[in-house]
Structure formats: C-alpha cells, structure tokens
Amino acid sequence: MTETQTQEGAPAAEEAFEPRLVAFVCNWCTYAGADLAGTSRLQYAPNVRIVKLPCTGRIDPLFILKAFEGGADGVLVSGCHPGDCHYTSGNYHARRRWTVFRELLSFAGISEDRLFFSWVSAAEGQKFADLINDLTEKVRAAGHFEPTNPGRRALCP
C-alpha cells in the first residue's frame, strides 16, 4: 500500500487548501467592526491575521509587499467609510495611493485580484464577518499565491 492510498485502496483525499489572508485595518472603524463580530459570536473564517494600524492612510505599500513575501495568499486593506475618517482624510490618502501602487504590484508579479479594499465601520460586525468569508472563498478559488514573475528578485530584502 502506498502513502497516497487508504486501506481500502482508494486514493487519499488531498488536504484542502486553506488560504492565508493578512488584513491591514484601521483602529477606529474596521478593527472595532472585527471586535464587534467577535463579541457578537459571528462565525467567519479563521484564515485572516489582522494588523491594526491607526489609519489606512498610514499603510506603507511595502507592508503589503512584505505580507505577500511572507506567504500571504491575499491581502485586505480596510478602514473607515470615506468621509468618516477619524483623521479626517486618511482613507482618501489610501485610495489615492492605491492608484499609484497598482504598477508596483504588477512589476512585483502580484495579481491585483489578490489585494482587496473595503470600508467597514465600527457598527458593521456582520459586514466584517461576511467580508472575510467572501475573501477567503475568492482566494481559495484562486489558489496558493505564486508570483507571475518568479524569476525576478524580491523587492523587499
């Protein structure tokens, strides 16, 4: 009997792919929404690792590249709804930065389909849970992250 066969002789089921997600979230809105989802005991996929920052406007694009370099299969950036930023305009800065960041993603061999943006307020625990479940399914369908330009040297040493 080989390692890939069960006692009955049928092939063993392959281990299901569980994507690794990293979420860079705003302290004031999305993190509070995630906290509400937890205290409300809402069920969502455990595949996400949350990195709390004061504001989405403070997210350095290198954080996102480092997350992919560290093995993330998908990255979420989420903060306050536009116009509701605790720091007045941080989420507007994040949106503008994204338009410039697209070219760097492409150069690094990362598909835009692996980076997600969302706005979740502190009162939207259910929206946060639904978002994480949806992103987990999308990344699971996309498969494990493999850079499209594997021959290129990593941008982040």
N, C-alpha and C. Protein backbone atom coordinates (compact mmCIF):
# COMPACT_ATOMS: atom_id res chain seq x y z
N MET A 1 0.85 -1.17 0.00
CA MET A 1 0.00 0.00 0.00
C MET A 1 0.90 1.24 0.00
N THR A 2 0.60 2.18 -0.89
CA THR A 2 1.40 3.40 -0.97
C THR A 2 0.88 4.45 0.01
N GLU A 3 1.69 5.50 0.17
CA GLU A 3 1.30 6.57 1.08
C GLU A 3 0.06 7.29 0.60
N THR A 4 -0.19 7.31 -0.69
CA THR A 4 -1.32 8.05 -1.23
C THR A 4 -2.59 7.22 -1.33
N GLN A 5 -2.60 6.04 -0.75
CA GLN A 5 -3.79 5.21 -0.78
C GLN A 5 -4.25 4.91 0.65
N THR A 6 -5.56 4.80 0.81
CA THR A 6 -6.12 4.42 2.10
C THR A 6 -6.12 2.91 2.19
N GLN A 7 -6.58 2.34 3.30
CA GLN A 7 -6.60 0.89 3.48
C GLN A 7 -7.49 0.21 2.46
N GLU A 8 -8.52 0.91 1.98
CA GLU A 8 -9.43 0.32 1.01
C GLU A 8 -8.86 0.36 -0.40
N GLY A 9 -7.71 1.03 -0.60
CA GLY A 9 -7.09 1.09 -1.90
C GLY A 9 -7.45 2.33 -2.70
N ALA A 10 -8.39 3.15 -2.19
CA ALA A 10 -8.78 4.37 -2.89
C ALA A 10 -7.75 5.47 -2.59
N PRO A 11 -7.55 6.37 -3.53
CA PRO A 11 -6.61 7.48 -3.28
C PRO A 11 -7.06 8.32 -2.09
N ALA A 12 -6.11 8.75 -1.30
CA ALA A 12 -6.42 9.58 -0.14
C ALA A 12 -6.82 10.98 -0.61
N ALA A 13 -7.74 11.56 0.11
CA ALA A 13 -8.17 12.92 -0.24
C ALA A 13 -7.03 13.89 0.04
N GLU A 14 -6.78 14.75 -0.94
CA GLU A 14 -5.73 15.74 -0.74
C GLU A 14 -6.18 16.75 0.29
N GLU A 15 -5.20 17.25 1.02
CA GLU A 15 -5.51 18.25 2.03
C GLU A 15 -6.08 19.49 1.36
N ALA A 16 -7.20 19.97 1.87
CA ALA A 16 -7.85 21.15 1.29
C ALA A 16 -6.97 22.38 1.50
N PHE A 17 -6.91 23.21 0.48
CA PHE A 17 -6.12 24.44 0.55
C PHE A 17 -6.81 25.44 1.44
N GLU A 18 -6.12 25.94 2.42
CA GLU A 18 -6.62 26.99 3.30
C GLU A 18 -5.77 28.23 3.07
N PRO A 19 -6.36 29.26 2.47
CA PRO A 19 -5.58 30.46 2.16
C PRO A 19 -5.17 31.22 3.41
N ARG A 20 -4.07 31.92 3.28
CA ARG A 20 -3.57 32.78 4.35
C ARG A 20 -3.87 34.22 3.95
N LEU A 21 -4.67 34.91 4.76
CA LEU A 21 -5.03 36.30 4.50
C LEU A 21 -4.41 37.20 5.55
N VAL A 22 -3.97 38.36 5.13
CA VAL A 22 -3.49 39.39 6.05
C VAL A 22 -4.39 40.59 5.85
N ALA A 23 -4.92 41.14 6.94
CA ALA A 23 -5.79 42.31 6.86
C ALA A 23 -5.14 43.47 7.59
N PHE A 24 -4.89 44.54 6.86
CA PHE A 24 -4.40 45.79 7.44
C PHE A 24 -5.63 46.64 7.69
N VAL A 25 -5.93 46.88 8.96
CA VAL A 25 -7.19 47.55 9.29
C VAL A 25 -6.98 48.80 10.13
N CYS A 26 -7.93 49.70 10.00
CA CYS A 26 -7.97 50.94 10.76
C CYS A 26 -8.38 50.62 12.21
N ASN A 27 -7.71 51.23 13.15
CA ASN A 27 -8.01 51.03 14.57
C ASN A 27 -9.42 51.48 14.93
N TRP A 28 -9.89 52.55 14.32
CA TRP A 28 -11.12 53.20 14.76
C TRP A 28 -12.38 52.59 14.18
N CYS A 29 -12.30 52.03 12.99
CA CYS A 29 -13.52 51.51 12.36
C CYS A 29 -13.46 50.01 12.11
N THR A 30 -12.64 49.58 11.18
CA THR A 30 -12.66 48.16 10.81
C THR A 30 -12.24 47.26 11.97
N TYR A 31 -11.23 47.65 12.74
CA TYR A 31 -10.83 46.81 13.87
C TYR A 31 -11.97 46.72 14.88
N ALA A 32 -12.65 47.85 15.11
CA ALA A 32 -13.80 47.84 16.02
C ALA A 32 -14.92 46.97 15.44
N GLY A 33 -15.09 46.98 14.12
CA GLY A 33 -16.08 46.10 13.48
C GLY A 33 -15.72 44.64 13.64
N ALA A 34 -14.42 44.33 13.53
CA ALA A 34 -13.95 42.95 13.75
C ALA A 34 -14.18 42.55 15.20
N ASP A 35 -13.94 43.47 16.11
CA ASP A 35 -14.17 43.20 17.53
C ASP A 35 -15.65 42.95 17.79
N LEU A 36 -16.51 43.74 17.15
CA LEU A 36 -17.95 43.54 17.29
C LEU A 36 -18.36 42.17 16.75
N ALA A 37 -17.77 41.77 15.63
CA ALA A 37 -18.08 40.44 15.08
C ALA A 37 -17.70 39.35 16.09
N GLY A 38 -16.56 39.53 16.73
CA GLY A 38 -16.13 38.54 17.72
C GLY A 38 -17.00 38.53 18.96
N THR A 39 -17.30 39.71 19.51
CA THR A 39 -18.12 39.75 20.73
C THR A 39 -19.56 39.34 20.45
N SER A 40 -19.99 39.48 19.20
CA SER A 40 -21.33 39.03 18.80
C SER A 40 -21.36 37.55 18.45
N ARG A 41 -20.18 36.92 18.51
CA ARG A 41 -20.02 35.50 18.20
C ARG A 41 -20.45 35.14 16.78
N LEU A 42 -20.15 36.04 15.87
CA LEU A 42 -20.43 35.77 14.46
C LEU A 42 -19.35 34.85 13.92
N GLN A 43 -19.74 33.93 13.07
CA GLN A 43 -18.81 32.97 12.52
C GLN A 43 -18.17 33.51 11.25
N TYR A 44 -16.84 33.50 11.23
CA TYR A 44 -16.13 33.82 10.00
C TYR A 44 -14.85 33.01 9.95
N ALA A 45 -14.33 32.88 8.76
CA ALA A 45 -13.16 32.02 8.52
C ALA A 45 -11.98 32.47 9.39
N PRO A 46 -11.26 31.52 9.97
CA PRO A 46 -10.11 31.85 10.82
C PRO A 46 -8.82 32.08 10.04
N ASN A 47 -8.93 32.27 8.74
CA ASN A 47 -7.76 32.36 7.87
C ASN A 47 -7.09 33.73 7.88
N VAL A 48 -7.67 34.70 8.55
CA VAL A 48 -7.17 36.07 8.48
C VAL A 48 -6.33 36.41 9.71
N ARG A 49 -5.25 37.13 9.45
CA ARG A 49 -4.40 37.67 10.50
C ARG A 49 -4.54 39.17 10.41
N ILE A 50 -4.96 39.80 11.49
CA ILE A 50 -5.24 41.23 11.48
C ILE A 50 -4.04 42.02 11.97
N VAL A 51 -3.70 43.05 11.21
CA VAL A 51 -2.66 44.00 11.60
C VAL A 51 -3.36 45.34 11.79
N LYS A 52 -3.40 45.80 13.04
CA LYS A 52 -4.12 47.03 13.37
C LYS A 52 -3.18 48.23 13.24
N LEU A 53 -3.64 49.22 12.48
CA LEU A 53 -2.89 50.46 12.29
C LEU A 53 -3.79 51.64 12.65
N PRO A 54 -3.21 52.80 12.98
CA PRO A 54 -4.06 53.94 13.36
C PRO A 54 -5.04 54.33 12.25
N CYS A 55 -4.62 54.19 10.98
CA CYS A 55 -5.44 54.66 9.87
C CYS A 55 -4.97 53.98 8.59
N THR A 56 -5.88 53.76 7.65
CA THR A 56 -5.47 53.16 6.37
C THR A 56 -4.54 54.09 5.61
N GLY A 57 -4.61 55.39 5.89
CA GLY A 57 -3.72 56.34 5.25
C GLY A 57 -2.27 56.16 5.66
N ARG A 58 -2.02 55.41 6.73
CA ARG A 58 -0.67 55.17 7.22
C ARG A 58 -0.08 53.85 6.74
N ILE A 59 -0.79 53.15 5.87
CA ILE A 59 -0.30 51.86 5.38
C ILE A 59 0.74 52.10 4.29
N ASP A 60 1.94 51.71 4.56
CA ASP A 60 3.02 51.81 3.59
C ASP A 60 2.85 50.68 2.58
N PRO A 61 2.96 50.95 1.29
CA PRO A 61 2.84 49.88 0.30
C PRO A 61 3.81 48.71 0.54
N LEU A 62 4.94 49.00 1.19
CA LEU A 62 5.87 47.91 1.48
C LEU A 62 5.27 46.91 2.47
N PHE A 63 4.34 47.34 3.32
CA PHE A 63 3.67 46.41 4.23
C PHE A 63 2.95 45.34 3.43
N ILE A 64 2.31 45.76 2.36
CA ILE A 64 1.54 44.83 1.53
C ILE A 64 2.49 43.88 0.80
N LEU A 65 3.57 44.42 0.24
CA LEU A 65 4.55 43.56 -0.43
C LEU A 65 5.17 42.57 0.55
N LYS A 66 5.47 43.02 1.76
CA LYS A 66 6.05 42.13 2.78
C LYS A 66 5.07 41.02 3.16
N ALA A 67 3.79 41.34 3.20
CA ALA A 67 2.79 40.31 3.52
C ALA A 67 2.81 39.21 2.47
N PHE A 68 2.85 39.59 1.20
CA PHE A 68 2.92 38.58 0.14
C PHE A 68 4.24 37.82 0.20
N GLU A 69 5.31 38.54 0.44
CA GLU A 69 6.61 37.89 0.55
C GLU A 69 6.64 36.90 1.72
N GLY A 70 5.90 37.22 2.78
CA GLY A 70 5.85 36.36 3.95
C GLY A 70 4.90 35.18 3.82
N GLY A 71 4.23 35.04 2.68
CA GLY A 71 3.40 33.86 2.46
C GLY A 71 1.91 34.11 2.41
N ALA A 72 1.47 35.36 2.42
CA ALA A 72 0.04 35.64 2.33
C ALA A 72 -0.46 35.29 0.93
N ASP A 73 -1.65 34.72 0.87
CA ASP A 73 -2.27 34.42 -0.40
C ASP A 73 -3.19 35.55 -0.84
N GLY A 74 -3.57 36.42 0.08
CA GLY A 74 -4.41 37.57 -0.20
C GLY A 74 -4.24 38.60 0.90
N VAL A 75 -4.45 39.87 0.54
CA VAL A 75 -4.31 40.97 1.50
C VAL A 75 -5.55 41.85 1.42
N LEU A 76 -6.03 42.24 2.58
CA LEU A 76 -7.17 43.15 2.70
C LEU A 76 -6.69 44.44 3.34
N VAL A 77 -7.11 45.56 2.79
CA VAL A 77 -6.91 46.87 3.40
C VAL A 77 -8.31 47.41 3.66
N SER A 78 -8.60 47.72 4.91
CA SER A 78 -9.95 48.15 5.25
C SER A 78 -9.92 49.22 6.32
N GLY A 79 -10.77 50.21 6.14
CA GLY A 79 -10.81 51.30 7.10
C GLY A 79 -12.19 51.93 7.16
N CYS A 80 -12.21 53.16 7.64
CA CYS A 80 -13.45 53.92 7.77
C CYS A 80 -14.06 54.21 6.40
N HIS A 81 -15.37 54.40 6.40
CA HIS A 81 -16.03 54.81 5.16
C HIS A 81 -15.52 56.19 4.75
N PRO A 82 -15.40 56.44 3.44
CA PRO A 82 -14.95 57.77 3.00
C PRO A 82 -15.83 58.87 3.62
N GLY A 83 -15.16 59.87 4.15
CA GLY A 83 -15.86 60.96 4.81
C GLY A 83 -16.02 60.77 6.31
N ASP A 84 -15.76 59.56 6.82
CA ASP A 84 -15.91 59.27 8.24
C ASP A 84 -14.59 58.98 8.93
N CYS A 85 -13.48 59.33 8.32
CA CYS A 85 -12.16 59.02 8.87
C CYS A 85 -11.93 59.78 10.18
N HIS A 86 -11.41 59.08 11.16
CA HIS A 86 -11.07 59.68 12.45
C HIS A 86 -10.02 60.77 12.28
N TYR A 87 -9.18 60.62 11.27
CA TYR A 87 -8.13 61.60 10.99
C TYR A 87 -8.50 62.49 9.80
N THR A 88 -9.74 62.64 9.52
CA THR A 88 -10.32 63.50 8.51
C THR A 88 -10.19 62.97 7.08
N SER A 89 -8.97 62.69 6.62
CA SER A 89 -8.81 62.33 5.21
C SER A 89 -7.87 61.15 4.97
N GLY A 90 -7.60 60.36 5.97
CA GLY A 90 -6.67 59.24 5.81
C GLY A 90 -7.11 58.22 4.78
N ASN A 91 -8.41 57.91 4.76
CA ASN A 91 -8.87 56.91 3.79
C ASN A 91 -8.82 57.45 2.36
N TYR A 92 -8.92 58.76 2.19
CA TYR A 92 -8.73 59.35 0.85
C TYR A 92 -7.28 59.19 0.40
N HIS A 93 -6.34 59.37 1.33
CA HIS A 93 -4.93 59.16 1.00
C HIS A 93 -4.68 57.72 0.58
N ALA A 94 -5.31 56.78 1.30
CA ALA A 94 -5.14 55.36 0.98
C ALA A 94 -5.67 55.06 -0.43
N ARG A 95 -6.81 55.62 -0.78
CA ARG A 95 -7.38 55.38 -2.12
C ARG A 95 -6.47 55.95 -3.21
N ARG A 96 -5.94 57.15 -2.99
CA ARG A 96 -5.04 57.74 -4.00
C ARG A 96 -3.76 56.93 -4.11
N ARG A 97 -3.26 56.45 -2.99
CA ARG A 97 -2.03 55.67 -3.00
C ARG A 97 -2.23 54.38 -3.80
N TRP A 98 -3.41 53.79 -3.74
CA TRP A 98 -3.69 52.55 -4.46
C TRP A 98 -3.53 52.73 -5.96
N THR A 99 -3.95 53.87 -6.49
CA THR A 99 -3.86 54.08 -7.93
C THR A 99 -2.40 54.05 -8.40
N VAL A 100 -1.49 54.54 -7.57
CA VAL A 100 -0.06 54.53 -7.91
C VAL A 100 0.54 53.14 -7.64
N PHE A 101 0.03 52.48 -6.62
CA PHE A 101 0.57 51.20 -6.18
C PHE A 101 0.31 50.06 -7.17
N ARG A 102 -0.70 50.19 -8.00
CA ARG A 102 -1.03 49.13 -8.97
C ARG A 102 0.16 48.76 -9.85
N GLU A 103 0.89 49.76 -10.32
CA GLU A 103 2.04 49.48 -11.18
C GLU A 103 3.12 48.70 -10.44
N LEU A 104 3.33 49.04 -9.18
CA LEU A 104 4.32 48.32 -8.38
C LEU A 104 3.90 46.87 -8.17
N LEU A 105 2.61 46.65 -7.94
CA LEU A 105 2.11 45.27 -7.80
C LEU A 105 2.40 44.47 -9.06
N SER A 106 2.08 45.05 -10.19
CA SER A 106 2.30 44.36 -11.45
C SER A 106 3.78 44.06 -11.65
N PHE A 107 4.63 45.03 -11.37
CA PHE A 107 6.08 44.85 -11.50
C PHE A 107 6.58 43.72 -10.59
N ALA A 108 5.99 43.62 -9.40
CA ALA A 108 6.40 42.59 -8.44
C ALA A 108 5.81 41.22 -8.76
N GLY A 109 4.95 41.14 -9.77
CA GLY A 109 4.38 39.85 -10.15
C GLY A 109 3.19 39.44 -9.31
N ILE A 110 2.49 40.42 -8.75
CA ILE A 110 1.34 40.14 -7.89
C ILE A 110 0.08 40.58 -8.63
N SER A 111 -0.85 39.66 -8.78
CA SER A 111 -2.11 39.96 -9.45
C SER A 111 -2.95 40.90 -8.58
N GLU A 112 -3.60 41.86 -9.21
CA GLU A 112 -4.48 42.78 -8.49
C GLU A 112 -5.64 42.04 -7.82
N ASP A 113 -5.94 40.83 -8.29
CA ASP A 113 -7.04 40.05 -7.75
C ASP A 113 -6.74 39.50 -6.35
N ARG A 114 -5.54 39.70 -5.86
CA ARG A 114 -5.16 39.21 -4.54
C ARG A 114 -5.15 40.31 -3.48
N LEU A 115 -5.42 41.54 -3.90
CA LEU A 115 -5.45 42.67 -2.99
C LEU A 115 -6.86 43.24 -2.98
N PHE A 116 -7.43 43.37 -1.79
CA PHE A 116 -8.81 43.80 -1.65
C PHE A 116 -8.89 45.05 -0.78
N PHE A 117 -9.82 45.94 -1.11
CA PHE A 117 -10.08 47.13 -0.33
C PHE A 117 -11.54 47.12 0.10
N SER A 118 -11.79 47.57 1.31
CA SER A 118 -13.16 47.62 1.80
C SER A 118 -13.27 48.70 2.87
N TRP A 119 -14.47 49.17 3.09
CA TRP A 119 -14.74 50.13 4.14
C TRP A 119 -15.74 49.50 5.09
N VAL A 120 -15.35 49.35 6.35
CA VAL A 120 -16.20 48.74 7.37
C VAL A 120 -16.21 49.65 8.59
N SER A 121 -17.39 50.05 9.04
CA SER A 121 -17.47 50.91 10.23
C SER A 121 -17.47 50.07 11.50
N ALA A 122 -17.36 50.74 12.62
CA ALA A 122 -17.33 50.07 13.92
C ALA A 122 -18.63 49.34 14.22
N ALA A 123 -19.72 49.76 13.60
CA ALA A 123 -21.03 49.15 13.85
C ALA A 123 -21.36 48.03 12.88
N GLU A 124 -20.44 47.67 12.00
CA GLU A 124 -20.72 46.68 10.95
C GLU A 124 -19.99 45.36 11.19
N GLY A 125 -20.26 44.74 12.32
CA GLY A 125 -19.65 43.46 12.64
C GLY A 125 -20.05 42.38 11.64
N GLN A 126 -21.32 42.34 11.26
CA GLN A 126 -21.79 41.34 10.30
C GLN A 126 -21.13 41.55 8.94
N LYS A 127 -20.97 42.81 8.54
CA LYS A 127 -20.32 43.10 7.26
C LYS A 127 -18.87 42.60 7.29
N PHE A 128 -18.17 42.78 8.42
CA PHE A 128 -16.79 42.30 8.52
C PHE A 128 -16.75 40.78 8.39
N ALA A 129 -17.62 40.09 9.11
CA ALA A 129 -17.65 38.62 9.04
C ALA A 129 -17.95 38.15 7.61
N ASP A 130 -18.93 38.76 6.96
CA ASP A 130 -19.27 38.39 5.59
C ASP A 130 -18.11 38.68 4.64
N LEU A 131 -17.42 39.81 4.84
CA LEU A 131 -16.29 40.18 4.01
C LEU A 131 -15.17 39.14 4.11
N ILE A 132 -14.82 38.74 5.31
CA ILE A 132 -13.75 37.76 5.50
C ILE A 132 -14.14 36.42 4.88
N ASN A 133 -15.37 35.99 5.07
CA ASN A 133 -15.82 34.74 4.46
C ASN A 133 -15.77 34.81 2.94
N ASP A 134 -16.20 35.93 2.37
CA ASP A 134 -16.19 36.11 0.92
C ASP A 134 -14.76 36.11 0.37
N LEU A 135 -13.88 36.86 1.03
CA LEU A 135 -12.49 36.93 0.56
C LEU A 135 -11.79 35.58 0.68
N THR A 136 -12.08 34.86 1.74
CA THR A 136 -11.48 33.54 1.91
C THR A 136 -11.88 32.63 0.75
N GLU A 137 -13.14 32.67 0.36
CA GLU A 137 -13.61 31.84 -0.76
C GLU A 137 -12.97 32.28 -2.08
N LYS A 138 -12.86 33.59 -2.30
CA LYS A 138 -12.24 34.08 -3.54
C LYS A 138 -10.77 33.66 -3.63
N VAL A 139 -10.05 33.79 -2.53
CA VAL A 139 -8.63 33.43 -2.55
C VAL A 139 -8.47 31.92 -2.62
N ARG A 140 -9.35 31.17 -1.99
CA ARG A 140 -9.31 29.71 -2.08
C ARG A 140 -9.49 29.28 -3.53
N ALA A 141 -10.43 29.94 -4.24
CA ALA A 141 -10.67 29.61 -5.65
C ALA A 141 -9.47 29.98 -6.51
N ALA A 142 -8.77 31.06 -6.15
CA ALA A 142 -7.59 31.49 -6.91
C ALA A 142 -6.39 30.59 -6.67
N GLY A 143 -6.37 29.92 -5.53
CA GLY A 143 -5.26 29.02 -5.22
C GLY A 143 -4.13 29.72 -4.48
N HIS A 144 -3.10 28.96 -4.22
CA HIS A 144 -1.93 29.47 -3.50
C HIS A 144 -1.25 30.56 -4.31
N PHE A 145 -0.78 31.61 -3.64
CA PHE A 145 -0.12 32.72 -4.33
C PHE A 145 1.22 32.28 -4.88
N GLU A 146 1.37 32.48 -6.17
CA GLU A 146 2.64 32.28 -6.86
C GLU A 146 2.88 33.53 -7.68
N PRO A 147 4.00 34.22 -7.48
CA PRO A 147 4.25 35.43 -8.27
C PRO A 147 4.25 35.11 -9.77
N THR A 148 3.71 36.04 -10.57
CA THR A 148 3.67 35.80 -12.01
C THR A 148 5.04 36.01 -12.64
N ASN A 149 5.94 36.65 -11.92
CA ASN A 149 7.31 36.85 -12.40
C ASN A 149 8.28 36.20 -11.40
N PRO A 150 8.27 34.87 -11.28
CA PRO A 150 9.08 34.22 -10.25
C PRO A 150 10.59 34.41 -10.43
N GLY A 151 11.03 34.76 -11.64
CA GLY A 151 12.44 34.94 -11.87
C GLY A 151 13.00 36.25 -11.33
N ARG A 152 12.10 37.19 -11.02
CA ARG A 152 12.55 38.47 -10.52
C ARG A 152 12.96 38.37 -9.06
N ARG A 153 13.96 39.14 -8.74
CA ARG A 153 14.41 39.19 -7.35
C ARG A 153 13.35 39.88 -6.51
N ALA A 154 13.22 39.49 -5.25
CA ALA A 154 12.27 40.13 -4.35
C ALA A 154 12.59 41.60 -4.20
N LEU A 155 11.56 42.43 -4.16
CA LEU A 155 11.75 43.86 -4.00
C LEU A 155 12.12 44.20 -2.57
N CYS A 156 11.70 43.37 -1.64
CA CYS A 156 11.92 43.65 -0.22
C CYS A 156 12.96 42.68 0.32
N PRO A 157 14.17 43.13 0.65
CA PRO A 157 15.19 42.22 1.14
C PRO A 157 14.86 41.65 2.50
